[in-house]
Amino acid sequence: MKTLLFAWLAMLPMSVVAVWLGHHVPDVLLPVAAILLLGLGKAWLIVLRFMELNHGPRLWQALLLGWPLVITSVILVLHATH
């Protein structure tokens, strides 16, 4: 129970900061990268804590943590070249 509470409490400020950055400086590369990194951190917390895959099969961990990493990379490349 403590782990879930910690994960939830960690995700709250991450969400607030991401929304704040998105409203104040949405078109600059550094804030976009920060927002995406916050999203990766939240994905990590969700996969390993809420879904309890920290002791699960490595393949599931790789798939569920790799997909947000791939999407984040694609978005960053597209945003940087725009």
C-alpha atoms as a PDB file:
ATOM      1  CA  MET A   1       0.000   0.000   0.000  1.00  0.00           C
ATOM      2  CA  LYS A   2       2.856   2.405   0.789  1.00  0.00           C
ATOM      3  CA  THR A   3       4.353   1.839  -2.657  1.00  0.00           C
ATOM      4  CA  LEU A   4       1.121   2.759  -4.417  1.00  0.00           C
ATOM      5  CA  LEU A   5       0.683   5.840  -2.260  1.00  0.00           C
ATOM      6  CA  PHE A   6       4.267   6.917  -3.004  1.00  0.00           C
ATOM      7  CA  ALA A   7       3.739   6.366  -6.733  1.00  0.00           C
ATOM      8  CA  TRP A   8       0.503   8.338  -6.696  1.00  0.00           C
ATOM      9  CA  LEU A   9       2.066  11.178  -4.720  1.00  0.00           C
ATOM     10  CA  ALA A  10       5.015  11.245  -7.119  1.00  0.00           C
ATOM     11  CA  MET A  11       2.726  11.378 -10.156  1.00  0.00           C
ATOM     12  CA  LEU A  12       0.730  14.367  -8.901  1.00  0.00           C
ATOM     13  CA  PRO A  13       3.498  16.977  -9.147  1.00  0.00           C
ATOM     14  CA  MET A  14       4.736  15.403 -12.373  1.00  0.00           C
ATOM     15  CA  SER A  15       1.306  15.959 -13.913  1.00  0.00           C
ATOM     16  CA  VAL A  16       1.017  19.510 -12.595  1.00  0.00           C
ATOM     17  CA  VAL A  17       4.450  20.467 -13.933  1.00  0.00           C
ATOM     18  CA  ALA A  18       3.720  18.913 -17.326  1.00  0.00           C
ATOM     19  CA  VAL A  19       0.432  20.818 -17.650  1.00  0.00           C
ATOM     20  CA  TRP A  20       2.071  24.059 -16.516  1.00  0.00           C
ATOM     21  CA  LEU A  21       4.890  23.684 -19.034  1.00  0.00           C
ATOM     22  CA  GLY A  22       2.425  22.860 -21.788  1.00  0.00           C
ATOM     23  CA  HIS A  23       0.435  26.029 -21.172  1.00  0.00           C
ATOM     24  CA  HIS A  24       3.318  28.443 -20.748  1.00  0.00           C
ATOM     25  CA  VAL A  25       5.941  27.434 -23.320  1.00  0.00           C
ATOM     26  CA  PRO A  26       4.385  24.859 -25.668  1.00  0.00           C
ATOM     27  CA  ASP A  27       6.548  25.349 -28.772  1.00  0.00           C
ATOM     28  CA  VAL A  28      10.111  25.374 -27.440  1.00  0.00           C
ATOM     29  CA  LEU A  29      12.055  22.105 -27.666  1.00  0.00           C
ATOM     30  CA  LEU A  30      13.378  21.994 -24.089  1.00  0.00           C
ATOM     31  CA  PRO A  31       9.965  22.213 -22.369  1.00  0.00           C
ATOM     32  CA  VAL A  32       8.548  19.687 -24.825  1.00  0.00           C
ATOM     33  CA  ALA A  33      11.403  17.328 -23.969  1.00  0.00           C
ATOM     34  CA  ALA A  34      10.774  17.903 -20.247  1.00  0.00           C
ATOM     35  CA  ILE A  35       7.060  17.148 -20.675  1.00  0.00           C
ATOM     36  CA  LEU A  36       7.867  13.948 -22.550  1.00  0.00           C
ATOM     37  CA  LEU A  37      10.416  12.889 -19.931  1.00  0.00           C
ATOM     38  CA  LEU A  38       7.819  13.472 -17.222  1.00  0.00           C
ATOM     39  CA  GLY A  39       5.481  11.260 -19.225  1.00  0.00           C
ATOM     40  CA  LEU A  40       8.159   8.568 -19.374  1.00  0.00           C
ATOM     41  CA  GLY A  41       8.582   8.797 -15.612  1.00  0.00           C
ATOM     42  CA  LYS A  42       4.858   8.411 -15.132  1.00  0.00           C
ATOM     43  CA  ALA A  43       4.803   5.431 -17.507  1.00  0.00           C
ATOM     44  CA  TRP A  44       7.604   3.847 -15.488  1.00  0.00           C
ATOM     45  CA  LEU A  45       5.659   4.330 -12.244  1.00  0.00           C
ATOM     46  CA  ILE A  46       2.467   2.938 -13.749  1.00  0.00           C
ATOM     47  CA  VAL A  47       4.121  -0.124 -15.260  1.00  0.00           C
ATOM     48  CA  LEU A  48       6.355  -1.048 -12.351  1.00  0.00           C
ATOM     49  CA  ARG A  49       4.196   0.043  -9.408  1.00  0.00           C
ATOM     50  CA  PHE A  50       0.517   0.084 -10.324  1.00  0.00           C
ATOM     51  CA  MET A  51       0.719  -2.861 -12.723  1.00  0.00           C
ATOM     52  CA  GLU A  52       3.242  -4.548 -10.382  1.00  0.00           C
ATOM     53  CA  LEU A  53       5.509  -5.685 -13.189  1.00  0.00           C
ATOM     54  CA  ASN A  54       8.684  -4.967 -11.223  1.00  0.00           C
ATOM     55  CA  HIS A  55       8.876  -8.714 -10.511  1.00  0.00           C
ATOM     56  CA  GLY A  56       7.211  -9.733 -13.756  1.00  0.00           C
ATOM     57  CA  PRO A  57       8.675 -11.198 -16.913  1.00  0.00           C
ATOM     58  CA  ARG A  58      11.435  -9.129 -18.493  1.00  0.00           C
ATOM     59  CA  LEU A  59       9.734  -9.310 -21.886  1.00  0.00           C
ATOM     60  CA  TRP A  60       6.611  -7.563 -20.557  1.00  0.00           C
ATOM     61  CA  GLN A  61       8.732  -4.961 -18.817  1.00  0.00           C
ATOM     62  CA  ALA A  62      10.694  -4.310 -21.997  1.00  0.00           C
ATOM     63  CA  LEU A  63       7.556  -4.034 -24.118  1.00  0.00           C
ATOM     64  CA  LEU A  64       5.600  -1.834 -21.744  1.00  0.00           C
ATOM     65  CA  LEU A  65       8.546   0.458 -20.989  1.00  0.00           C
ATOM     66  CA  GLY A  66       9.979   0.382 -24.504  1.00  0.00           C
ATOM     67  CA  TRP A  67       6.819   1.529 -26.247  1.00  0.00           C
ATOM     68  CA  PRO A  68       6.633   4.918 -24.444  1.00  0.00           C
ATOM     69  CA  LEU A  69      10.353   5.355 -25.087  1.00  0.00           C
ATOM     70  CA  VAL A  70       9.881   4.763 -28.817  1.00  0.00           C
ATOM     71  CA  ILE A  71       6.893   7.122 -29.016  1.00  0.00           C
ATOM     72  CA  THR A  72       8.747   9.802 -27.034  1.00  0.00           C
ATOM     73  CA  SER A  73      11.741   9.526 -29.348  1.00  0.00           C
ATOM     74  CA  VAL A  74       9.550   9.816 -32.443  1.00  0.00           C
ATOM     75  CA  ILE A  75       7.743  12.877 -31.068  1.00  0.00           C
ATOM     76  CA  LEU A  76      11.025  14.554 -30.118  1.00  0.00           C
ATOM     77  CA  VAL A  77      12.535  13.934 -33.555  1.00  0.00           C
ATOM     78  CA  LEU A  78       9.420  15.203 -35.305  1.00  0.00           C
ATOM     79  CA  HIS A  79       9.253  18.271 -33.076  1.00  0.00           C
ATOM     80  CA  ALA A  80      12.946  19.036 -33.532  1.00  0.00           C
ATOM     81  CA  THR A  81      12.710  18.827 -37.319  1.00  0.00           C
ATOM     82  CA  HIS A  82       9.542  20.918 -37.523  1.00  0.00           C
END
